Amino acid sequence: MSTKDAIIKKLREAFAPESLDVADESHLHEGHAGHRPGGETHFRVYIVSPAFKGKSRIERHRMINAALAGELAGSVHALAIKAEAPGEAS
């Protein structure tokens, strides 16, 4: 299973999102810290879930970081997050 697929699976299981988009942006970071040949090091996550209702931006990020702790401790160098509750989506 690819790192992207693992991220998607874990976020779906943890947050039952209404909307989820995970993009591998590793190609944008060639030559920068943490980049490895083959990518799967830098990701951008956009997620809308009822689990985030009433939570601050920092609480939401901590929830996602906890769900992806294994990936963040291993192959993922950077994770950009936009997490919203339903009705907040921009």
Protein backbone atom coordinates (compact mmCIF):
# COMPACT_ATOMS: atom_id res chain seq x y z
CA MET A 1 0.00 0.00 0.00
CA SER A 2 1.35 3.42 -0.91
CA THR A 3 1.84 6.08 1.74
CA LYS A 4 -0.93 8.14 0.16
CA ASP A 5 -3.32 5.18 0.34
CA ALA A 6 -2.38 4.56 3.98
CA ILE A 7 -3.07 8.22 4.82
CA ILE A 8 -6.46 8.09 3.10
CA LYS A 9 -7.40 4.85 4.86
CA LYS A 10 -6.42 6.10 8.31
CA LEU A 11 -8.18 9.45 7.90
CA ARG A 12 -11.37 7.76 6.66
CA GLU A 13 -11.33 5.36 9.60
CA ALA A 14 -10.58 8.04 12.20
CA PHE A 15 -12.86 10.86 10.98
CA ALA A 16 -15.52 9.48 8.58
CA PRO A 17 -15.06 12.59 6.43
CA GLU A 18 -17.71 14.08 4.18
CA SER A 19 -14.89 15.19 1.91
CA LEU A 20 -11.25 14.12 1.71
CA ASP A 21 -8.48 14.99 -0.70
CA VAL A 22 -4.89 13.88 -0.19
CA ALA A 23 -2.31 15.17 -2.68
CA ASP A 24 1.29 14.01 -2.97
CA GLU A 25 3.22 17.25 -3.50
CA SER A 26 6.66 15.68 -3.20
CA HIS A 27 7.59 16.69 -6.74
CA LEU A 28 7.34 20.34 -5.67
CA HIS A 29 10.07 19.81 -3.07
CA GLU A 30 12.86 18.26 -5.13
CA GLY A 31 16.19 19.42 -3.76
CA HIS A 32 14.68 20.42 -0.41
CA ALA A 33 15.00 18.78 2.98
CA GLY A 34 13.18 15.48 3.37
CA HIS A 35 12.70 14.84 -0.33
CA ARG A 36 13.54 11.35 -1.54
CA PRO A 37 13.52 9.87 -5.02
CA GLY A 38 10.14 8.30 -5.66
CA GLY A 39 8.24 10.93 -3.69
CA GLU A 40 5.67 10.18 -1.01
CA THR A 41 7.37 12.57 1.41
CA HIS A 42 5.27 15.77 1.22
CA PHE A 43 1.47 15.71 1.34
CA ARG A 44 -1.41 18.19 1.41
CA VAL A 45 -4.66 17.11 3.13
CA TYR A 46 -8.04 18.77 2.77
CA ILE A 47 -10.67 17.17 4.99
CA VAL A 48 -14.22 18.04 6.05
CA SER A 49 -15.54 16.02 8.99
CA PRO A 50 -18.13 16.40 11.76
CA ALA A 51 -15.35 15.32 14.15
CA PHE A 52 -13.90 18.82 13.85
CA LYS A 53 -17.03 20.68 14.95
CA GLY A 54 -16.23 22.99 17.86
CA LYS A 55 -12.50 22.28 17.63
CA SER A 56 -9.82 24.91 17.09
CA ARG A 57 -7.48 24.73 14.11
CA ILE A 58 -4.70 23.49 16.40
CA GLU A 59 -6.93 20.80 17.94
CA ARG A 60 -7.88 19.60 14.46
CA HIS A 61 -4.24 19.42 13.38
CA ARG A 62 -3.34 17.51 16.54
CA MET A 63 -6.14 15.02 15.87
CA ILE A 64 -4.87 14.41 12.34
CA ASN A 65 -1.24 14.22 13.45
CA ALA A 66 -2.23 11.62 16.07
CA ALA A 67 -4.09 9.54 13.47
CA LEU A 68 -1.05 9.65 11.18
CA ALA A 69 1.64 9.31 13.86
CA GLY A 70 3.21 6.27 12.20
CA GLU A 71 3.57 7.97 8.83
CA LEU A 72 4.85 11.21 10.36
CA ALA A 73 7.48 9.28 12.34
CA GLY A 74 8.52 7.44 9.20
CA SER A 75 8.32 8.32 5.54
CA VAL A 76 6.30 11.57 5.63
CA HIS A 77 8.47 14.65 5.96
CA ALA A 78 5.78 17.33 5.65
CA LEU A 79 2.00 17.45 5.94
CA ALA A 80 -0.04 20.54 5.05
CA ILE A 81 -3.52 20.38 6.57
CA LYS A 82 -6.80 22.15 5.95
CA ALA A 83 -9.39 20.63 8.26
CA GLU A 84 -12.95 21.93 8.48
CA ALA A 85 -16.28 20.95 9.97
CA PRO A 86 -19.31 20.72 7.67
CA GLY A 87 -20.68 24.16 6.85
CA GLU A 88 -17.27 25.79 7.20
CA ALA A 89 -15.97 24.62 3.84
CA SER A 90 -14.57 27.42 1.75
